[in-house]
């Protein structure tokens, strides 16, 4: 009887083409790992699995019984799901969860997560889900695409082949280069606050020793907090870190107006400010994510990219004004002081904006 009811529901669903409660989201990460999440009606799914598997549970709470039915029929569930790369079927890891019903008269939602890795040579992805008979949405996020792609599928119908060409190749060398690029672009062109801080360091004095001492202190400091933050050892709210970063930029710029020689406290302060900037870098890197299998490689690559970005800023400033004009008597009055004043004004505005706006 159960089988007849299931077949009847399939037939009715095939005729109705209604939009159901199922939603599917596929995320493909830069390290070629993937996670596909299905959110659906837990009761309806358990009834269908119960009909096909013959697994019936009478003990436990409603959510416990539903979860036991679904998890106890893993192979049955897999039979009606297809994940394929270049027409080769993949067998991912699956986890199941049932949440409490959000309100009276509503069904408890089931969340099923599929996790795995895209094969190195694969360029196409295809999905099929036959546990719903209604139309549902499939949203695909890929590392190489600016916006996710969303398509509507009828239950049981396979999706069209989805291009994964934007996913980079995996491996230590490609991971290192990819995160070097991410670190560089985090400074140039996206990290205006960090660029202004580095310019503030450079403007104090054009002497190589002065620049080298400050940059070395800054690099050592932000490397420490970047690593500690990414390992979860240090964690400070961005609402605290970001205003302090802006204040550090303002301080360095204002000090440039009144000092022309490097003092010992300046190096110490740059080190402290570097600790703050490292936590800012960690926030940005946390949004991108680090591949678990190549965590250290990616972290080193990002840090190298940040250093390359800083050197690019210093090199540009040196070629633009320092190389030809830093030895001129008017250089400080017409370059260092006005440039530092403008940096300070921008940084003070950022401080106010990050605290109150």
C-alpha atoms as a PDB file:
ATOM      1  CA  UNK A   1       0.000   0.000   0.000  1.00  0.00           C
ATOM      2  CA  UNK A   2       2.813   2.341   0.861  1.00  0.00           C
ATOM      3  CA  UNK A   3       4.387   1.761  -2.531  1.00  0.00           C
ATOM      4  CA  UNK A   4       1.080   2.548  -4.262  1.00  0.00           C
ATOM      5  CA  UNK A   5       0.764   5.797  -2.320  1.00  0.00           C
ATOM      6  CA  UNK A   6       4.315   6.752  -3.279  1.00  0.00           C
ATOM      7  CA  UNK A   7       3.665   6.014  -6.944  1.00  0.00           C
ATOM      8  CA  UNK A   8       0.459   8.041  -6.800  1.00  0.00           C
ATOM      9  CA  UNK A   9       2.277  11.003  -5.338  1.00  0.00           C
ATOM     10  CA  UNK A  10       4.908  10.764  -8.062  1.00  0.00           C
ATOM     11  CA  UNK A  11       2.190  10.810 -10.726  1.00  0.00           C
ATOM     12  CA  UNK A  12       0.387  13.749  -9.157  1.00  0.00           C
ATOM     13  CA  UNK A  13       3.631  15.633  -8.741  1.00  0.00           C
ATOM     14  CA  UNK A  14       4.560  15.055 -12.351  1.00  0.00           C
ATOM     15  CA  UNK A  15       1.316  16.663 -13.432  1.00  0.00           C
ATOM     16  CA  UNK A  16       1.284  19.578 -11.002  1.00  0.00           C
ATOM     17  CA  UNK A  17       4.733  21.172 -11.611  1.00  0.00           C
ATOM     18  CA  UNK A  18       4.247  23.173  -8.430  1.00  0.00           C
ATOM     19  CA  UNK A  19       7.077  24.962  -6.580  1.00  0.00           C
ATOM     20  CA  UNK A  20       7.907  22.921  -3.488  1.00  0.00           C
ATOM     21  CA  UNK A  21       9.795  23.555  -0.270  1.00  0.00           C
ATOM     22  CA  UNK A  22      13.107  22.036  -1.354  1.00  0.00           C
ATOM     23  CA  UNK A  23      16.132  24.274  -1.912  1.00  0.00           C
ATOM     24  CA  UNK A  24      19.569  23.169  -3.092  1.00  0.00           C
ATOM     25  CA  UNK A  25      22.773  25.206  -2.857  1.00  0.00           C
ATOM     26  CA  UNK A  26      26.109  24.054  -4.292  1.00  0.00           C
ATOM     27  CA  UNK A  27      29.365  25.760  -3.277  1.00  0.00           C
ATOM     28  CA  UNK A  28      32.633  25.041  -5.094  1.00  0.00           C
ATOM     29  CA  UNK A  29      35.678  26.389  -3.232  1.00  0.00           C
ATOM     30  CA  UNK A  30      39.022  27.542  -4.717  1.00  0.00           C
ATOM     31  CA  UNK A  31      40.734  24.382  -3.380  1.00  0.00           C
ATOM     32  CA  UNK A  32      38.241  22.310  -5.454  1.00  0.00           C
ATOM     33  CA  UNK A  33      36.330  21.061  -2.424  1.00  0.00           C
ATOM     34  CA  UNK A  34      32.560  21.261  -2.679  1.00  0.00           C
ATOM     35  CA  UNK A  35      29.556  21.338  -0.367  1.00  0.00           C
ATOM     36  CA  UNK A  36      26.012  20.825  -1.600  1.00  0.00           C
ATOM     37  CA  UNK A  37      23.230  21.587   0.867  1.00  0.00           C
ATOM     38  CA  UNK A  38      19.653  20.351   0.472  1.00  0.00           C
ATOM     39  CA  UNK A  39      16.971  21.859   2.703  1.00  0.00           C
ATOM     40  CA  UNK A  40      13.624  20.109   2.447  1.00  0.00           C
ATOM     41  CA  UNK A  41      10.491  19.003   4.324  1.00  0.00           C
ATOM     42  CA  UNK A  42      11.722  16.460   6.881  1.00  0.00           C
ATOM     43  CA  UNK A  43       8.406  14.678   7.333  1.00  0.00           C
ATOM     44  CA  UNK A  44       7.782  14.261   3.619  1.00  0.00           C
ATOM     45  CA  UNK A  45      11.305  12.967   3.054  1.00  0.00           C
ATOM     46  CA  UNK A  46      11.036  10.485   5.942  1.00  0.00           C
ATOM     47  CA  UNK A  47       7.700   9.179   4.630  1.00  0.00           C
ATOM     48  CA  UNK A  48       9.155   8.561   1.164  1.00  0.00           C
ATOM     49  CA  UNK A  49      12.226   6.825   2.593  1.00  0.00           C
ATOM     50  CA  UNK A  50      10.011   4.805   4.933  1.00  0.00           C
ATOM     51  CA  UNK A  51       7.894   3.664   1.992  1.00  0.00           C
ATOM     52  CA  UNK A  52      10.882   2.484  -0.018  1.00  0.00           C
ATOM     53  CA  UNK A  53      13.033   1.083   2.803  1.00  0.00           C
ATOM     54  CA  UNK A  54      10.306  -0.345   5.032  1.00  0.00           C
ATOM     55  CA  UNK A  55      12.058   1.236   8.018  1.00  0.00           C
ATOM     56  CA  UNK A  56       9.436   2.237  10.638  1.00  0.00           C
ATOM     57  CA  UNK A  57      10.271   3.706  14.052  1.00  0.00           C
ATOM     58  CA  UNK A  58       7.774   4.296  16.818  1.00  0.00           C
ATOM     59  CA  UNK A  59      10.074   5.377  19.683  1.00  0.00           C
ATOM     60  CA  UNK A  60      11.609   8.795  20.384  1.00  0.00           C
ATOM     61  CA  UNK A  61      10.651  12.384  19.691  1.00  0.00           C
ATOM     62  CA  UNK A  62       9.320  13.434  16.308  1.00  0.00           C
ATOM     63  CA  UNK A  63      12.648  14.897  15.159  1.00  0.00           C
ATOM     64  CA  UNK A  64      14.609  11.917  16.512  1.00  0.00           C
ATOM     65  CA  UNK A  65      12.383   9.470  14.659  1.00  0.00           C
ATOM     66  CA  UNK A  66      12.671  11.408  11.408  1.00  0.00           C
ATOM     67  CA  UNK A  67      16.445  11.614  11.703  1.00  0.00           C
ATOM     68  CA  UNK A  68      16.714   7.914  12.524  1.00  0.00           C
ATOM     69  CA  UNK A  69      14.585   6.977   9.516  1.00  0.00           C
ATOM     70  CA  UNK A  70      16.644   9.115   7.137  1.00  0.00           C
ATOM     71  CA  UNK A  71      20.103   8.222   8.465  1.00  0.00           C
ATOM     72  CA  UNK A  72      19.204   4.554   8.746  1.00  0.00           C
ATOM     73  CA  UNK A  73      18.507   4.369   5.024  1.00  0.00           C
ATOM     74  CA  UNK A  74      21.605   6.107   3.691  1.00  0.00           C
ATOM     75  CA  UNK A  75      21.999   3.813   0.687  1.00  0.00           C
ATOM     76  CA  UNK A  76      18.314   4.165  -0.184  1.00  0.00           C
ATOM     77  CA  UNK A  77      18.659   7.950  -0.053  1.00  0.00           C
ATOM     78  CA  UNK A  78      21.765   7.928  -2.246  1.00  0.00           C
ATOM     79  CA  UNK A  79      19.978   5.985  -4.994  1.00  0.00           C
ATOM     80  CA  UNK A  80      17.808   8.986  -5.880  1.00  0.00           C
ATOM     81  CA  UNK A  81      20.611  11.586  -5.818  1.00  0.00           C
ATOM     82  CA  UNK A  82      23.218  12.019  -8.520  1.00  0.00           C
ATOM     83  CA  UNK A  83      26.332  14.198  -8.424  1.00  0.00           C
ATOM     84  CA  UNK A  84      28.439  13.895 -11.539  1.00  0.00           C
ATOM     85  CA  UNK A  85      31.597  15.560 -12.859  1.00  0.00           C
ATOM     86  CA  UNK A  86      32.217  15.196 -16.590  1.00  0.00           C
ATOM     87  CA  UNK A  87      29.575  12.427 -16.600  1.00  0.00           C
ATOM     88  CA  UNK A  88      31.431  10.437 -13.925  1.00  0.00           C
ATOM     89  CA  UNK A  89      29.272   9.896 -10.829  1.00  0.00           C
ATOM     90  CA  UNK A  90      30.821  10.976  -7.523  1.00  0.00           C
ATOM     91  CA  UNK A  91      30.116   9.421  -4.112  1.00  0.00           C
ATOM     92  CA  UNK A  92      30.331  12.224  -1.518  1.00  0.00           C
ATOM     93  CA  UNK A  93      30.198  12.120   2.252  1.00  0.00           C
ATOM     94  CA  UNK A  94      26.682  12.875   3.533  1.00  0.00           C
ATOM     95  CA  UNK A  95      25.506  14.320   6.843  1.00  0.00           C
ATOM     96  CA  UNK A  96      21.874  14.613   7.938  1.00  0.00           C
ATOM     97  CA  UNK A  97      20.174  16.967  10.388  1.00  0.00           C
ATOM     98  CA  UNK A  98      16.569  17.589  11.419  1.00  0.00           C
ATOM     99  CA  UNK A  99      15.572  20.872  13.078  1.00  0.00           C
ATOM    100  CA  UNK A 100      12.484  21.549  15.145  1.00  0.00           C
ATOM    101  CA  UNK A 101       9.436  22.799  13.288  1.00  0.00           C
ATOM    102  CA  UNK A 102       9.592  26.607  13.034  1.00  0.00           C
ATOM    103  CA  UNK A 103       5.971  27.003  14.124  1.00  0.00           C
ATOM    104  CA  UNK A 104       2.609  25.312  14.692  1.00  0.00           C
ATOM    105  CA  UNK A 105       1.342  23.465  11.665  1.00  0.00           C
ATOM    106  CA  UNK A 106       4.753  23.536   9.918  1.00  0.00           C
ATOM    107  CA  UNK A 107       6.992  20.601   9.084  1.00  0.00           C
ATOM    108  CA  UNK A 108      10.474  20.206  10.609  1.00  0.00           C
ATOM    109  CA  UNK A 109      13.125  21.003   7.977  1.00  0.00           C
ATOM    110  CA  UNK A 110      15.740  18.442   7.040  1.00  0.00           C
ATOM    111  CA  UNK A 111      19.210  19.602   6.025  1.00  0.00           C
ATOM    112  CA  UNK A 112      21.401  17.206   4.062  1.00  0.00           C
ATOM    113  CA  UNK A 113      24.992  18.130   3.242  1.00  0.00           C
ATOM    114  CA  UNK A 114      27.106  16.454   0.574  1.00  0.00           C
ATOM    115  CA  UNK A 115      30.848  17.122   0.742  1.00  0.00           C
ATOM    116  CA  UNK A 116      33.686  16.015  -1.498  1.00  0.00           C
ATOM    117  CA  UNK A 117      36.293  17.179  -3.983  1.00  0.00           C
ATOM    118  CA  UNK A 118      35.986  17.988  -7.662  1.00  0.00           C
ATOM    119  CA  UNK A 119      38.325  15.735  -9.684  1.00  0.00           C
ATOM    120  CA  UNK A 120      41.391  17.556 -10.936  1.00  0.00           C
ATOM    121  CA  UNK A 121      40.515  17.364 -14.614  1.00  0.00           C
ATOM    122  CA  UNK A 122      36.734  17.863 -14.233  1.00  0.00           C
ATOM    123  CA  UNK A 123      35.196  20.918 -15.865  1.00  0.00           C
ATOM    124  CA  UNK A 124      31.440  20.129 -15.788  1.00  0.00           C
ATOM    125  CA  UNK A 125      29.015  19.472 -12.930  1.00  0.00           C
ATOM    126  CA  UNK A 126      25.595  17.849 -13.146  1.00  0.00           C
ATOM    127  CA  UNK A 127      22.982  17.366 -10.426  1.00  0.00           C
ATOM    128  CA  UNK A 128      19.845  15.278 -10.111  1.00  0.00           C
ATOM    129  CA  UNK A 129      17.520  14.954  -7.098  1.00  0.00           C
ATOM    130  CA  UNK A 130      14.533  12.623  -7.230  1.00  0.00           C
ATOM    131  CA  UNK A 131      13.315  12.944  -3.643  1.00  0.00           C
ATOM    132  CA  UNK A 132      10.990  15.795  -4.501  1.00  0.00           C
ATOM    133  CA  UNK A 133       8.246  15.818  -7.103  1.00  0.00           C
ATOM    134  CA  UNK A 134       7.839  19.579  -7.252  1.00  0.00           C
ATOM    135  CA  UNK A 135       9.955  22.261  -8.936  1.00  0.00           C
ATOM    136  CA  UNK A 136      12.892  23.423  -6.789  1.00  0.00           C
ATOM    137  CA  UNK A 137      15.794  25.871  -7.058  1.00  0.00           C
ATOM    138  CA  UNK A 138      19.445  24.945  -7.543  1.00  0.00           C
ATOM    139  CA  UNK A 139      21.907  27.761  -6.773  1.00  0.00           C
ATOM    140  CA  UNK A 140      25.539  27.236  -7.718  1.00  0.00           C
ATOM    141  CA  UNK A 141      28.443  29.293  -6.337  1.00  0.00           C
ATOM    142  CA  UNK A 142      31.811  28.803  -8.038  1.00  0.00           C
ATOM    143  CA  UNK A 143      35.139  30.431  -7.163  1.00  0.00           C
ATOM    144  CA  UNK A 144      35.596  31.892 -10.623  1.00  0.00           C
ATOM    145  CA  UNK A 145      32.139  33.463 -10.972  1.00  0.00           C
ATOM    146  CA  UNK A 146      31.216  36.947  -9.743  1.00  0.00           C
ATOM    147  CA  UNK A 147      27.569  35.962  -9.152  1.00  0.00           C
ATOM    148  CA  UNK A 148      25.913  32.632  -8.289  1.00  0.00           C
ATOM    149  CA  UNK A 149      23.890  30.867 -10.972  1.00  0.00           C
ATOM    150  CA  UNK A 150      20.321  29.792 -10.128  1.00  0.00           C
ATOM    151  CA  UNK A 151      18.177  27.406 -12.121  1.00  0.00           C
ATOM    152  CA  UNK A 152      14.780  25.801 -11.510  1.00  0.00           C
ATOM    153  CA  UNK A 153      14.507  22.033 -11.873  1.00  0.00           C
ATOM    154  CA  UNK A 154      11.608  19.630 -11.888  1.00  0.00           C
ATOM    155  CA  UNK A 155      11.906  16.816  -9.365  1.00  0.00           C
ATOM    156  CA  UNK A 156      13.867  13.903 -10.782  1.00  0.00           C
ATOM    157  CA  UNK A 157      15.130  15.837 -13.806  1.00  0.00           C
ATOM    158  CA  UNK A 158      18.892  16.259 -14.181  1.00  0.00           C
ATOM    159  CA  UNK A 159      20.320  19.738 -14.434  1.00  0.00           C
ATOM    160  CA  UNK A 160      22.132  20.903 -17.509  1.00  0.00           C
ATOM    161  CA  UNK A 161      25.922  20.603 -17.354  1.00  0.00           C
ATOM    162  CA  UNK A 162      27.296  23.499 -15.300  1.00  0.00           C
ATOM    163  CA  UNK A 163      30.696  24.878 -16.271  1.00  0.00           C
ATOM    164  CA  UNK A 164      33.343  24.692 -13.539  1.00  0.00           C
ATOM    165  CA  UNK A 165      36.094  26.149 -15.714  1.00  0.00           C
ATOM    166  CA  UNK A 166      36.560  28.996 -13.247  1.00  0.00           C
ATOM    167  CA  UNK A 167      37.846  26.609 -10.589  1.00  0.00           C
ATOM    168  CA  UNK A 168      41.634  26.773 -10.356  1.00  0.00           C
ATOM    169  CA  UNK A 169      43.795  23.696 -10.502  1.00  0.00           C
ATOM    170  CA  UNK A 170      44.693  22.181  -7.139  1.00  0.00           C
ATOM    171  CA  UNK A 171      48.105  21.303  -5.734  1.00  0.00           C
ATOM    172  CA  UNK A 172      50.649  23.130  -3.529  1.00  0.00           C
ATOM    173  CA  UNK A 173      52.141  25.247  -6.334  1.00  0.00           C
ATOM    174  CA  UNK A 174      48.793  26.472  -7.666  1.00  0.00           C
ATOM    175  CA  UNK A 175      47.497  27.071  -4.125  1.00  0.00           C
ATOM    176  CA  UNK A 176      50.595  29.086  -3.235  1.00  0.00           C
ATOM    177  CA  UNK A 177      50.313  31.235  -6.358  1.00  0.00           C
ATOM    178  CA  UNK A 178      46.565  31.705  -5.934  1.00  0.00           C
ATOM    179  CA  UNK A 179      46.935  33.003  -2.375  1.00  0.00           C
ATOM    180  CA  UNK A 180      49.919  35.164  -3.289  1.00  0.00           C
ATOM    181  CA  UNK A 181      47.627  36.835  -5.811  1.00  0.00           C
ATOM    182  CA  UNK A 182      44.879  37.208  -3.204  1.00  0.00           C
ATOM    183  CA  UNK A 183      47.319  38.756  -0.731  1.00  0.00           C
ATOM    184  CA  UNK A 184      48.679  41.189  -3.310  1.00  0.00           C
ATOM    185  CA  UNK A 185      45.255  42.352  -4.461  1.00  0.00           C
ATOM    186  CA  UNK A 186      44.186  42.772  -0.844  1.00  0.00           C
ATOM    187  CA  UNK A 187      46.799  45.549  -0.701  1.00  0.00           C
ATOM    188  CA  UNK A 188      46.782  46.759  -4.325  1.00  0.00           C
ATOM    189  CA  UNK A 189      44.204  47.875  -5.314  1.00  0.00           C
ATOM    190  CA  UNK A 190      41.669  46.910  -2.609  1.00  0.00           C
ATOM    191  CA  UNK A 191      43.504  47.826   0.611  1.00  0.00           C
ATOM    192  CA  UNK A 192      43.576  51.622   0.533  1.00  0.00           C
ATOM    193  CA  UNK A 193      43.934  51.853   4.313  1.00  0.00           C
ATOM    194  CA  UNK A 194      46.952  49.531   4.300  1.00  0.00           C
ATOM    195  CA  UNK A 195      48.453  51.396   1.347  1.00  0.00           C
ATOM    196  CA  UNK A 196      48.177  54.701   3.207  1.00  0.00           C
ATOM    197  CA  UNK A 197      49.819  53.184   6.287  1.00  0.00           C
ATOM    198  CA  UNK A 198      52.759  51.940   4.223  1.00  0.00           C
ATOM    199  CA  UNK A 199      53.030  55.354   2.548  1.00  0.00           C
ATOM    200  CA  UNK A 200      53.091  56.910   5.999  1.00  0.00           C
ATOM    201  CA  UNK A 201      55.995  54.653   6.922  1.00  0.00           C
ATOM    202  CA  UNK A 202      57.847  55.615   3.746  1.00  0.00           C
ATOM    203  CA  UNK A 203      57.289  59.372   4.056  1.00  0.00           C
ATOM    204  CA  UNK A 204      59.101  59.746   7.394  1.00  0.00           C
ATOM    205  CA  UNK A 205      62.449  59.554   5.662  1.00  0.00           C
ATOM    206  CA  UNK A 206      63.726  58.428   2.293  1.00  0.00           C
ATOM    207  CA  UNK A 207      66.699  56.649   3.836  1.00  0.00           C
ATOM    208  CA  UNK A 208      66.763  52.941   3.107  1.00  0.00           C
ATOM    209  CA  UNK A 209      67.622  52.034   6.726  1.00  0.00           C
ATOM    210  CA  UNK A 210      64.656  54.015   8.068  1.00  0.00           C
ATOM    211  CA  UNK A 211      62.220  52.372   5.676  1.00  0.00           C
ATOM    212  CA  UNK A 212      63.708  48.890   6.170  1.00  0.00           C
ATOM    213  CA  UNK A 213      63.493  48.985   9.985  1.00  0.00           C
ATOM    214  CA  UNK A 214      59.862  50.084   9.940  1.00  0.00           C
ATOM    215  CA  UNK A 215      58.775  47.663   7.218  1.00  0.00           C
ATOM    216  CA  UNK A 216      60.561  44.770   8.965  1.00  0.00           C
ATOM    217  CA  UNK A 217      58.796  45.536  12.265  1.00  0.00           C
ATOM    218  CA  UNK A 218      55.439  45.870  10.512  1.00  0.00           C
ATOM    219  CA  UNK A 219      55.920  42.647   8.532  1.00  0.00           C
ATOM    220  CA  UNK A 220      56.978  40.604  11.574  1.00  0.00           C
ATOM    221  CA  UNK A 221      54.049  41.886  13.624  1.00  0.00           C
ATOM    222  CA  UNK A 222      51.280  41.358  11.100  1.00  0.00           C
ATOM    223  CA  UNK A 223      52.652  37.922  10.196  1.00  0.00           C
ATOM    224  CA  UNK A 224      52.328  36.906  13.857  1.00  0.00           C
ATOM    225  CA  UNK A 225      48.736  38.013  14.340  1.00  0.00           C
ATOM    226  CA  UNK A 226      47.668  36.813  10.900  1.00  0.00           C
ATOM    227  CA  UNK A 227      48.835  33.299  11.748  1.00  0.00           C
ATOM    228  CA  UNK A 228      47.447  33.367  15.307  1.00  0.00           C
ATOM    229  CA  UNK A 229      44.079  34.647  14.094  1.00  0.00           C
ATOM    230  CA  UNK A 230      43.754  32.069  11.333  1.00  0.00           C
ATOM    231  CA  UNK A 231      44.567  29.278  13.814  1.00  0.00           C
ATOM    232  CA  UNK A 232      41.857  30.620  16.121  1.00  0.00           C
ATOM    233  CA  UNK A 233      44.287  31.504  18.940  1.00  0.00           C
ATOM    234  CA  UNK A 234      43.574  35.255  18.789  1.00  0.00           C
ATOM    235  CA  UNK A 235      40.196  36.764  17.992  1.00  0.00           C
ATOM    236  CA  UNK A 236      39.153  40.416  18.359  1.00  0.00           C
ATOM    237  CA  UNK A 237      35.985  41.909  16.934  1.00  0.00           C
ATOM    238  CA  UNK A 238      36.389  43.887  13.673  1.00  0.00           C
ATOM    239  CA  UNK A 239      34.377  46.670  15.332  1.00  0.00           C
ATOM    240  CA  UNK A 240      37.426  47.186  17.569  1.00  0.00           C
ATOM    241  CA  UNK A 241      40.220  46.342  15.139  1.00  0.00           C
ATOM    242  CA  UNK A 242      39.096  48.456  12.169  1.00  0.00           C
ATOM    243  CA  UNK A 243      38.862  51.825  14.024  1.00  0.00           C
ATOM    244  CA  UNK A 244      42.238  51.134  15.650  1.00  0.00           C
ATOM    245  CA  UNK A 245      43.771  50.460  12.234  1.00  0.00           C
ATOM    246  CA  UNK A 246      42.469  53.829  11.047  1.00  0.00           C
ATOM    247  CA  UNK A 247      43.908  55.500  14.157  1.00  0.00           C
ATOM    248  CA  UNK A 248      47.286  53.881  13.521  1.00  0.00           C
ATOM    249  CA  UNK A 249      47.341  55.419  10.034  1.00  0.00           C
ATOM    250  CA  UNK A 250      46.470  58.851  11.450  1.00  0.00           C
ATOM    251  CA  UNK A 251      49.162  58.607  14.137  1.00  0.00           C
ATOM    252  CA  UNK A 252      51.945  57.675  11.730  1.00  0.00           C
ATOM    253  CA  UNK A 253      50.939  60.446   9.321  1.00  0.00           C
ATOM    254  CA  UNK A 254      50.738  63.123  12.047  1.00  0.00           C
ATOM    255  CA  UNK A 255      54.089  62.068  13.486  1.00  0.00           C
ATOM    256  CA  UNK A 256      55.646  62.527  10.030  1.00  0.00           C
ATOM    257  CA  UNK A 257      54.722  66.228  10.192  1.00  0.00           C
ATOM    258  CA  UNK A 258      56.655  66.781  13.420  1.00  0.00           C
ATOM    259  CA  UNK A 259      59.521  64.296  13.016  1.00  0.00           C
ATOM    260  CA  UNK A 260      62.087  63.842  10.275  1.00  0.00           C
ATOM    261  CA  UNK A 261      64.283  61.179  11.885  1.00  0.00           C
ATOM    262  CA  UNK A 262      63.479  57.658  13.002  1.00  0.00           C
ATOM    263  CA  UNK A 263      63.099  57.262  16.762  1.00  0.00           C
ATOM    264  CA  UNK A 264      63.150  53.981  18.682  1.00  0.00           C
ATOM    265  CA  UNK A 265      59.556  54.397  19.846  1.00  0.00           C
ATOM    266  CA  UNK A 266      58.463  54.756  16.214  1.00  0.00           C
ATOM    267  CA  UNK A 267      59.714  51.253  15.411  1.00  0.00           C
ATOM    268  CA  UNK A 268      57.981  49.874  18.528  1.00  0.00           C
ATOM    269  CA  UNK A 269      54.715  51.604  17.622  1.00  0.00           C
ATOM    270  CA  UNK A 270      54.889  50.364  14.028  1.00  0.00           C
ATOM    271  CA  UNK A 271      55.277  46.854  15.448  1.00  0.00           C
ATOM    272  CA  UNK A 272      52.169  47.309  17.627  1.00  0.00           C
ATOM    273  CA  UNK A 273      50.262  48.756  14.692  1.00  0.00           C
ATOM    274  CA  UNK A 274      51.371  45.788  12.605  1.00  0.00           C
ATOM    275  CA  UNK A 275      49.696  43.471  15.120  1.00  0.00           C
ATOM    276  CA  UNK A 276      46.427  45.313  14.465  1.00  0.00           C
ATOM    277  CA  UNK A 277      46.834  45.213  10.694  1.00  0.00           C
ATOM    278  CA  UNK A 278      47.527  41.468  10.886  1.00  0.00           C
ATOM    279  CA  UNK A 279      44.122  40.942  12.469  1.00  0.00           C
ATOM    280  CA  UNK A 280      42.624  43.046   9.677  1.00  0.00           C
ATOM    281  CA  UNK A 281      44.337  40.817   7.114  1.00  0.00           C
ATOM    282  CA  UNK A 282      42.963  37.768   8.945  1.00  0.00           C
ATOM    283  CA  UNK A 283      39.425  39.134   8.660  1.00  0.00           C
ATOM    284  CA  UNK A 284      39.793  39.496   4.907  1.00  0.00           C
ATOM    285  CA  UNK A 285      41.411  36.078   4.554  1.00  0.00           C
ATOM    286  CA  UNK A 286      38.671  34.532   6.688  1.00  0.00           C
ATOM    287  CA  UNK A 287      36.081  35.698   4.149  1.00  0.00           C
ATOM    288  CA  UNK A 288      37.987  33.943   1.356  1.00  0.00           C
ATOM    289  CA  UNK A 289      38.752  30.838   3.397  1.00  0.00           C
ATOM    290  CA  UNK A 290      41.773  28.564   3.576  1.00  0.00           C
ATOM    291  CA  UNK A 291      41.850  25.018   2.168  1.00  0.00           C
ATOM    292  CA  UNK A 292      42.189  22.534   5.008  1.00  0.00           C
ATOM    293  CA  UNK A 293      44.507  20.250   3.065  1.00  0.00           C
ATOM    294  CA  UNK A 294      46.927  23.090   2.244  1.00  0.00           C
ATOM    295  CA  UNK A 295      46.308  25.484   5.122  1.00  0.00           C
ATOM    296  CA  UNK A 296      49.959  26.404   5.771  1.00  0.00           C
ATOM    297  CA  UNK A 297      50.762  26.777   2.075  1.00  0.00           C
ATOM    298  CA  UNK A 298      47.804  29.115   1.553  1.00  0.00           C
ATOM    299  CA  UNK A 299      48.645  31.139   4.684  1.00  0.00           C
ATOM    300  CA  UNK A 300      52.263  31.596   3.602  1.00  0.00           C
ATOM    301  CA  UNK A 301      51.149  32.507   0.086  1.00  0.00           C
ATOM    302  CA  UNK A 302      48.719  35.154   1.327  1.00  0.00           C
ATOM    303  CA  UNK A 303      51.403  36.669   3.560  1.00  0.00           C
ATOM    304  CA  UNK A 304      53.887  36.745   0.686  1.00  0.00           C
ATOM    305  CA  UNK A 305      51.288  38.465  -1.464  1.00  0.00           C
ATOM    306  CA  UNK A 306      50.733  41.104   1.229  1.00  0.00           C
ATOM    307  CA  UNK A 307      54.486  41.748   1.388  1.00  0.00           C
ATOM    308  CA  UNK A 308      54.666  42.036  -2.383  1.00  0.00           C
ATOM    309  CA  UNK A 309      51.810  44.548  -2.294  1.00  0.00           C
ATOM    310  CA  UNK A 310      53.579  46.624   0.354  1.00  0.00           C
ATOM    311  CA  UNK A 311      56.811  46.609  -1.641  1.00  0.00           C
ATOM    312  CA  UNK A 312      54.860  47.668  -4.724  1.00  0.00           C
ATOM    313  CA  UNK A 313      53.489  50.686  -2.826  1.00  0.00           C
ATOM    314  CA  UNK A 314      56.916  51.663  -1.510  1.00  0.00           C
ATOM    315  CA  UNK A 315      58.549  51.094  -4.902  1.00  0.00           C
ATOM    316  CA  UNK A 316      55.941  53.251  -6.649  1.00  0.00           C
ATOM    317  CA  UNK A 317      56.402  56.079  -4.123  1.00  0.00           C
ATOM    318  CA  UNK A 318      60.171  55.875  -4.478  1.00  0.00           C
ATOM    319  CA  UNK A 319      60.070  56.000  -8.281  1.00  0.00           C
ATOM    320  CA  UNK A 320      57.433  58.752  -8.331  1.00  0.00           C
ATOM    321  CA  UNK A 321      58.981  61.219  -5.886  1.00  0.00           C
ATOM    322  CA  UNK A 322      61.672  59.759  -3.660  1.00  0.00           C
ATOM    323  CA  UNK A 323      64.265  58.816  -6.241  1.00  0.00           C
ATOM    324  CA  UNK A 324      64.640  62.268  -7.776  1.00  0.00           C
ATOM    325  CA  UNK A 325      63.389  64.664  -5.114  1.00  0.00           C
ATOM    326  CA  UNK A 326      63.980  63.281  -1.597  1.00  0.00           C
ATOM    327  CA  UNK A 327      67.331  65.047  -1.390  1.00  0.00           C
ATOM    328  CA  UNK A 328      65.888  68.467  -2.274  1.00  0.00           C
ATOM    329  CA  UNK A 329      65.445  71.104   0.450  1.00  0.00           C
ATOM    330  CA  UNK A 330      61.811  71.652  -0.524  1.00  0.00           C
ATOM    331  CA  UNK A 331      60.922  67.930  -0.456  1.00  0.00           C
ATOM    332  CA  UNK A 332      59.770  67.862   3.139  1.00  0.00           C
ATOM    333  CA  UNK A 333      57.739  71.086   2.947  1.00  0.00           C
ATOM    334  CA  UNK A 334      56.075  70.350  -0.377  1.00  0.00           C
ATOM    335  CA  UNK A 335      55.798  66.534  -0.370  1.00  0.00           C
ATOM    336  CA  UNK A 336      56.118  64.953   3.090  1.00  0.00           C
ATOM    337  CA  UNK A 337      54.064  67.451   5.105  1.00  0.00           C
ATOM    338  CA  UNK A 338      51.082  67.926   2.759  1.00  0.00           C
ATOM    339  CA  UNK A 339      50.931  64.223   1.856  1.00  0.00           C
ATOM    340  CA  UNK A 340      51.054  63.230   5.531  1.00  0.00           C
ATOM    341  CA  UNK A 341      48.374  65.812   6.377  1.00  0.00           C
ATOM    342  CA  UNK A 342      46.055  64.399   3.699  1.00  0.00           C
ATOM    343  CA  UNK A 343      46.645  60.836   4.912  1.00  0.00           C
ATOM    344  CA  UNK A 344      45.893  61.921   8.488  1.00  0.00           C
ATOM    345  CA  UNK A 345      42.642  63.617   7.468  1.00  0.00           C
ATOM    346  CA  UNK A 346      41.445  60.546   5.579  1.00  0.00           C
ATOM    347  CA  UNK A 347      42.394  58.254   8.479  1.00  0.00           C
ATOM    348  CA  UNK A 348      40.602  60.418  11.053  1.00  0.00           C
ATOM    349  CA  UNK A 349      37.481  60.357   8.878  1.00  0.00           C
ATOM    350  CA  UNK A 350      37.738  56.555   8.664  1.00  0.00           C
ATOM    351  CA  UNK A 351      38.086  56.344  12.449  1.00  0.00           C
ATOM    352  CA  UNK A 352      34.893  58.313  12.989  1.00  0.00           C
ATOM    353  CA  UNK A 353      33.092  56.387  10.259  1.00  0.00           C
ATOM    354  CA  UNK A 354      34.113  52.996  11.661  1.00  0.00           C
ATOM    355  CA  UNK A 355      33.041  53.887  15.193  1.00  0.00           C
ATOM    356  CA  UNK A 356      29.789  55.765  14.663  1.00  0.00           C
ATOM    357  CA  UNK A 357      28.587  55.311  11.092  1.00  0.00           C
END
